[in-house]
N, C-alpha and C. Protein backbone atom coordinates (compact mmCIF):
# COMPACT_ATOMS: atom_id res chain seq x y z
N MET A 1 128.63 -35.21 277.35
CA MET A 1 129.14 -34.45 278.69
C MET A 1 127.82 -33.50 278.44
N ALA A 2 126.44 -33.42 279.16
CA ALA A 2 125.77 -32.61 279.67
C ALA A 2 125.98 -30.94 279.08
N ARG A 3 125.27 -30.42 278.49
CA ARG A 3 125.26 -28.76 278.17
C ARG A 3 124.91 -28.53 279.71
N VAL A 4 125.30 -27.39 280.53
CA VAL A 4 124.92 -27.00 281.54
C VAL A 4 124.55 -25.54 280.91
N LYS A 5 123.77 -25.53 281.50
CA LYS A 5 122.80 -24.12 281.33
C LYS A 5 123.34 -23.38 282.69
N GLY A 6 123.37 -21.71 282.94
CA GLY A 6 123.54 -20.50 283.26
C GLY A 6 121.77 -20.09 283.81
N ALA A 7 121.76 -20.97 284.39
CA ALA A 7 119.74 -20.12 284.81
C ALA A 7 120.27 -20.46 286.02
N LEU A 8 120.91 -21.45 286.99
CA LEU A 8 121.69 -21.01 288.31
C LEU A 8 121.92 -19.92 288.91
N ASN A 9 122.70 -19.72 287.73
CA ASN A 9 123.76 -18.90 288.42
C ASN A 9 123.39 -17.29 288.09
N THR A 10 122.49 -17.48 287.68
CA THR A 10 121.82 -15.72 286.79
C THR A 10 120.42 -15.75 287.98
N ARG A 11 119.85 -16.86 288.20
CA ARG A 11 119.00 -16.29 289.20
C ARG A 11 119.30 -15.69 290.26
N LYS A 12 120.39 -16.87 291.12
CA LYS A 12 121.51 -17.02 292.63
C LYS A 12 121.73 -15.17 292.27
N HIS A 13 122.07 -14.27 290.92
CA HIS A 13 122.54 -13.26 291.34
C HIS A 13 121.45 -12.05 290.92
N HIS A 14 120.40 -12.95 290.08
CA HIS A 14 119.70 -11.88 290.41
C HIS A 14 118.88 -11.82 292.05
N LYS A 15 118.63 -12.60 292.83
CA LYS A 15 118.60 -12.41 294.26
C LYS A 15 119.30 -11.68 294.64
N LYS A 16 120.29 -12.39 294.88
CA LYS A 16 121.17 -11.23 295.58
C LYS A 16 121.55 -9.17 295.25
N VAL A 17 120.90 -8.94 293.95
CA VAL A 17 120.99 -7.70 293.50
C VAL A 17 119.60 -7.02 294.11
N LEU A 18 118.47 -7.91 293.90
CA LEU A 18 117.35 -7.60 294.26
C LEU A 18 117.01 -7.39 295.87
N LYS A 19 117.86 -8.29 296.60
CA LYS A 19 118.16 -8.42 298.24
C LYS A 19 118.48 -6.67 298.64
N LEU A 20 119.62 -6.57 297.85
CA LEU A 20 120.30 -5.50 298.25
C LEU A 20 119.43 -4.08 297.82
N ALA A 21 118.27 -4.33 297.19
CA ALA A 21 117.12 -3.38 296.50
C ALA A 21 116.12 -2.93 297.67
N LYS A 22 116.28 -4.07 298.60
CA LYS A 22 114.82 -3.99 299.82
C LYS A 22 114.76 -2.62 299.54
N GLY A 23 113.62 -2.60 300.18
CA GLY A 23 113.24 -0.94 300.65
C GLY A 23 113.53 0.11 299.55
N PHE A 24 113.69 -0.12 298.61
CA PHE A 24 113.84 1.26 297.02
C PHE A 24 112.35 1.15 296.71
N ARG A 25 112.01 2.25 296.28
CA ARG A 25 110.88 2.53 295.37
C ARG A 25 110.65 1.85 294.46
N GLY A 26 109.14 1.78 294.14
CA GLY A 26 108.90 0.99 292.75
C GLY A 26 109.35 0.09 292.26
N SER A 27 109.51 0.17 291.20
CA SER A 27 110.22 -0.25 290.23
C SER A 27 112.07 -0.81 290.21
N GLU A 28 112.17 -0.07 291.30
CA GLU A 28 113.88 -0.08 291.71
C GLU A 28 114.15 -1.08 292.71
N SER A 29 112.60 -1.97 293.20
CA SER A 29 113.33 -3.09 294.02
C SER A 29 112.42 -4.26 293.15
N LYS A 30 111.60 -3.90 292.28
CA LYS A 30 111.40 -5.31 291.86
C LYS A 30 112.05 -5.80 290.61
N GLN A 31 112.24 -5.21 289.81
CA GLN A 31 113.13 -5.20 287.84
C GLN A 31 114.12 -5.11 288.55
N TYR A 32 114.40 -6.49 288.16
CA TYR A 32 116.38 -6.86 288.28
C TYR A 32 117.22 -5.44 286.91
N ARG A 33 116.64 -5.40 286.04
CA ARG A 33 117.38 -4.35 285.35
C ARG A 33 117.33 -2.83 286.09
N VAL A 34 116.54 -1.74 286.02
CA VAL A 34 115.83 -1.26 287.14
C VAL A 34 117.31 -1.29 288.38
N ALA A 35 116.50 -2.32 289.13
CA ALA A 35 117.41 -2.53 290.60
C ALA A 35 118.64 -2.83 290.32
N ASN A 36 119.14 -3.06 289.46
CA ASN A 36 120.62 -3.28 289.50
C ASN A 36 121.90 -1.70 289.13
N GLN A 37 120.96 -0.71 288.81
CA GLN A 37 121.34 0.53 288.14
C GLN A 37 120.97 1.57 289.40
N ALA A 38 119.79 1.20 290.16
CA ALA A 38 119.39 1.38 291.47
C ALA A 38 120.85 1.07 292.58
N VAL A 39 121.22 -0.39 292.50
CA VAL A 39 121.89 -0.92 293.28
C VAL A 39 123.52 0.16 293.51
N MET A 40 123.91 -0.16 292.28
CA MET A 40 125.49 0.05 292.01
C MET A 40 125.51 1.30 291.68
N ARG A 41 124.32 2.26 291.81
CA ARG A 41 124.58 3.64 292.29
C ARG A 41 124.62 4.16 293.66
N SER A 42 123.77 2.85 294.82
CA SER A 42 123.75 2.88 296.04
C SER A 42 124.71 2.58 296.62
N MET A 43 125.66 1.93 296.02
CA MET A 43 126.99 1.14 296.49
C MET A 43 128.22 2.20 296.08
N GLN A 44 128.32 2.97 294.92
CA GLN A 44 128.80 4.52 294.90
C GLN A 44 128.69 5.52 296.17
N ASN A 45 127.28 5.76 296.11
CA ASN A 45 126.78 6.85 296.87
C ASN A 45 127.90 6.35 297.91
N ALA A 46 127.34 5.35 299.13
CA ALA A 46 128.13 4.52 300.43
C ALA A 46 129.23 4.79 300.20
N TYR A 47 130.01 4.38 299.00
CA TYR A 47 131.57 4.42 299.27
C TYR A 47 132.02 5.76 299.57
N ILE A 48 131.34 6.69 298.59
CA ILE A 48 131.74 8.88 298.48
C ILE A 48 131.24 8.28 299.88
N GLY A 49 130.42 8.60 300.79
CA GLY A 49 129.49 8.55 302.34
C GLY A 49 130.70 8.12 303.10
N ARG A 50 131.01 7.45 302.97
CA ARG A 50 132.02 6.69 303.62
C ARG A 50 133.37 7.48 303.90
N LYS A 51 133.47 8.15 303.30
CA LYS A 51 134.82 9.22 303.18
C LYS A 51 134.60 10.51 303.04
N ARG A 52 133.58 10.58 302.91
CA ARG A 52 132.64 12.29 303.05
C ARG A 52 132.96 12.09 304.66
N ARG A 53 132.37 10.95 305.56
CA ARG A 53 131.74 11.12 306.81
C ARG A 53 132.86 11.28 307.76
N LYS A 54 134.35 10.93 307.45
CA LYS A 54 135.85 11.97 307.32
C LYS A 54 135.79 13.14 307.85
N ARG A 55 135.28 13.23 306.68
CA ARG A 55 135.62 14.86 306.11
C ARG A 55 134.36 15.77 307.44
N ASP A 56 133.55 15.39 307.31
CA ASP A 56 132.63 16.10 307.82
C ASP A 56 132.47 15.81 309.42
N PHE A 57 133.31 14.86 309.86
CA PHE A 57 133.45 15.18 310.91
C PHE A 57 134.36 16.10 311.51
N ARG A 58 135.34 15.76 310.87
CA ARG A 58 136.57 16.58 310.93
C ARG A 58 136.28 18.16 310.83
N ARG A 59 135.34 18.56 310.08
CA ARG A 59 134.39 19.85 309.78
C ARG A 59 133.69 20.11 311.61
N LEU A 60 133.48 19.24 311.83
CA LEU A 60 132.72 19.43 313.42
C LEU A 60 133.46 19.82 314.47
N TRP A 61 134.12 19.34 314.22
CA TRP A 61 135.32 18.78 315.76
C TRP A 61 136.34 20.64 315.73
N ILE A 62 136.32 21.04 314.40
CA ILE A 62 137.16 21.74 314.50
C ILE A 62 136.10 23.43 314.38
N THR A 63 135.44 23.48 313.93
CA THR A 63 133.83 24.18 314.81
C THR A 63 133.60 24.48 316.05
N ARG A 64 133.51 23.00 316.85
CA ARG A 64 133.65 23.16 318.16
C ARG A 64 134.45 23.99 318.98
N ILE A 65 135.39 23.20 318.25
CA ILE A 65 136.96 24.32 319.16
C ILE A 65 136.95 25.37 319.09
N SER A 66 136.76 25.65 317.41
CA SER A 66 136.33 27.10 317.50
C SER A 66 135.64 27.84 318.44
N ALA A 67 134.65 27.52 318.38
CA ALA A 67 133.08 28.65 319.58
C ALA A 67 134.03 28.29 320.54
N ALA A 68 134.37 27.15 320.89
CA ALA A 68 134.97 27.04 322.30
C ALA A 68 136.14 28.53 323.02
N CYS A 69 136.76 27.94 321.90
CA CYS A 69 138.05 29.05 322.10
C CYS A 69 137.78 30.72 321.81
N LYS A 70 136.70 30.84 321.41
CA LYS A 70 136.22 32.25 321.30
C LYS A 70 135.84 32.51 322.46
N MET A 71 135.15 31.93 323.15
CA MET A 71 134.69 31.72 324.45
C MET A 71 136.21 31.91 325.10
N ASN A 72 137.20 31.44 325.37
CA ASN A 72 137.85 32.15 326.37
C ASN A 72 139.45 32.83 325.26
N GLY A 73 138.69 33.60 324.85
CA GLY A 73 139.26 34.92 323.75
C GLY A 73 139.76 34.60 322.79
N MET A 74 140.42 33.69 322.56
CA MET A 74 141.41 32.84 321.11
C MET A 74 140.78 32.80 320.17
N ASN A 75 141.44 32.72 318.86
CA ASN A 75 141.05 32.40 317.90
C ASN A 75 141.32 31.07 317.62
N TYR A 76 140.64 29.45 316.83
CA TYR A 76 140.90 28.48 316.44
C TYR A 76 143.06 28.19 316.08
N SER A 77 143.20 28.88 315.01
CA SER A 77 144.39 28.40 314.76
C SER A 77 146.10 29.17 315.74
N THR A 78 145.43 30.22 316.79
CA THR A 78 146.41 30.26 317.43
C THR A 78 146.46 29.21 318.67
N PHE A 79 145.30 29.09 318.96
CA PHE A 79 144.83 28.04 320.35
C PHE A 79 145.46 26.47 319.37
N MET A 80 145.51 26.42 318.26
CA MET A 80 145.88 24.94 317.90
C MET A 80 147.44 25.27 317.66
N ASN A 81 148.14 26.15 317.41
CA ASN A 81 149.60 26.43 317.11
C ASN A 81 150.31 26.54 318.69
N GLY A 82 149.42 26.65 319.91
CA GLY A 82 150.05 26.82 320.96
C GLY A 82 150.17 26.12 321.88
N LEU A 83 149.35 24.55 321.56
CA LEU A 83 149.09 23.33 322.08
C LEU A 83 149.97 22.92 321.29
N LYS A 84 150.78 23.10 320.03
CA LYS A 84 151.47 22.39 319.60
C LYS A 84 152.49 22.75 319.94
N LYS A 85 152.85 24.26 320.91
CA LYS A 85 154.30 24.67 321.16
C LYS A 85 154.68 24.08 322.72
N THR A 86 153.38 23.62 323.62
CA THR A 86 153.51 23.38 324.60
C THR A 86 154.14 21.70 325.10
N GLY A 87 153.62 21.26 323.60
CA GLY A 87 153.58 19.39 323.28
C GLY A 87 152.60 18.76 323.77
N ILE A 88 151.42 19.33 323.72
CA ILE A 88 150.11 18.96 324.19
C ILE A 88 149.77 18.38 322.80
N GLU A 89 149.74 16.91 322.65
CA GLU A 89 149.39 16.15 321.44
C GLU A 89 148.25 15.68 322.07
N MET A 90 146.69 16.30 321.83
CA MET A 90 145.77 15.81 321.57
C MET A 90 144.82 16.23 320.20
N ASN A 91 143.96 14.87 319.82
CA ASN A 91 143.61 14.99 318.58
C ASN A 91 142.20 16.03 318.92
N ARG A 92 141.26 16.57 317.65
CA ARG A 92 140.14 17.07 317.56
C ARG A 92 139.19 16.69 318.21
N LYS A 93 139.05 15.49 318.15
CA LYS A 93 137.67 14.53 318.14
C LYS A 93 138.11 14.73 320.09
N MET A 94 139.20 14.42 320.63
CA MET A 94 139.05 14.19 321.93
C MET A 94 139.10 16.10 322.67
N LEU A 95 139.39 17.12 321.30
CA LEU A 95 139.31 18.74 322.61
C LEU A 95 137.96 19.31 322.14
N SER A 96 137.68 18.05 320.84
CA SER A 96 136.09 18.44 320.95
C SER A 96 134.78 18.50 322.26
N GLU A 97 135.33 16.76 322.28
CA GLU A 97 134.48 16.37 323.17
C GLU A 97 135.11 16.56 325.16
N ILE A 98 136.44 17.62 325.39
CA ILE A 98 136.23 18.77 326.08
C ILE A 98 135.70 20.28 326.65
N ALA A 99 135.73 20.09 324.64
CA ALA A 99 135.38 21.43 324.98
C ALA A 99 133.03 21.74 325.38
N ILE A 100 132.79 20.34 325.09
CA ILE A 100 131.33 20.40 325.19
C ILE A 100 131.92 19.73 327.00
N SER A 101 132.01 19.03 326.96
CA SER A 101 131.49 18.40 328.15
C SER A 101 132.44 19.33 329.60
N ASP A 102 133.55 19.77 329.29
CA ASP A 102 134.81 20.22 331.12
C ASP A 102 135.04 21.35 330.22
N ALA A 103 134.38 22.27 330.33
CA ALA A 103 134.69 23.94 330.09
C ALA A 103 135.56 24.67 331.04
N LYS A 104 135.54 23.84 332.07
CA LYS A 104 136.92 24.41 332.75
C LYS A 104 138.43 23.80 332.39
N ALA A 105 138.30 22.48 332.46
CA ALA A 105 139.74 22.36 331.80
C ALA A 105 140.03 22.79 330.18
N PHE A 106 139.11 22.60 329.62
CA PHE A 106 139.03 23.70 328.29
C PHE A 106 140.14 24.79 328.62
N ALA A 107 139.09 25.91 329.36
CA ALA A 107 139.96 26.86 329.69
C ALA A 107 141.21 26.92 329.89
N GLN A 108 141.47 25.64 331.15
CA GLN A 108 143.14 25.44 331.47
C GLN A 108 144.29 25.24 330.32
N LEU A 109 143.05 24.39 329.14
CA LEU A 109 144.16 24.06 328.19
C LEU A 109 144.52 25.69 327.30
N CYS A 110 143.64 26.39 326.81
CA CYS A 110 143.84 27.66 326.57
C CYS A 110 144.16 28.99 327.14
N GLU A 111 144.74 28.34 328.34
CA GLU A 111 145.39 29.32 329.51
C GLU A 111 146.94 29.31 329.05
N SER A 112 147.06 27.85 328.80
CA SER A 112 148.62 27.20 328.76
C SER A 112 148.73 27.39 327.37
N ALA A 113 147.94 27.00 326.08
CA ALA A 113 148.20 27.43 324.70
C ALA A 113 149.18 29.09 325.00
N LYS A 114 147.78 29.96 325.45
CA LYS A 114 148.34 31.63 325.45
C LYS A 114 149.69 32.34 326.07
N ASN A 115 150.76 30.92 327.28
CA ASN A 115 151.40 31.02 328.33
C ASN A 115 152.21 30.66 326.87
N ALA A 116 152.11 29.94 326.42
CA ALA A 116 152.94 29.11 324.94
C ALA A 116 153.37 30.42 324.14
N LEU A 117 152.76 30.87 323.87
CA LEU A 117 152.78 31.82 322.62
C LEU A 117 153.49 33.61 323.26
N LYS A 118 153.79 33.66 324.27
CA LYS A 118 153.94 34.43 325.15
C LYS A 118 155.74 34.36 324.64
């Protein structure tokens, strides 16, 4: 049998890595060895970023809800406790959207939460 060389697979892998490194600065987009390190690091950061995005959005929603609650004379924790006691199950994303777009509806939610705590 003829000897099989690995050049084809190596070139294929190098091209794949260099394609992922497109747009990187300097030798990080030109040289395979440097590009490979940069791509591995960027993939790690992308993985971490997908986890962090969820945290960041939850923090943003809680901040918005808290600000709207303060405008209605309560704080965030008592508002959420009151909602739980009234049986209103709404996620933080929807609550923050209501707080931004419909202040009257959010004020009614605050009132129902206050009434549940009495």
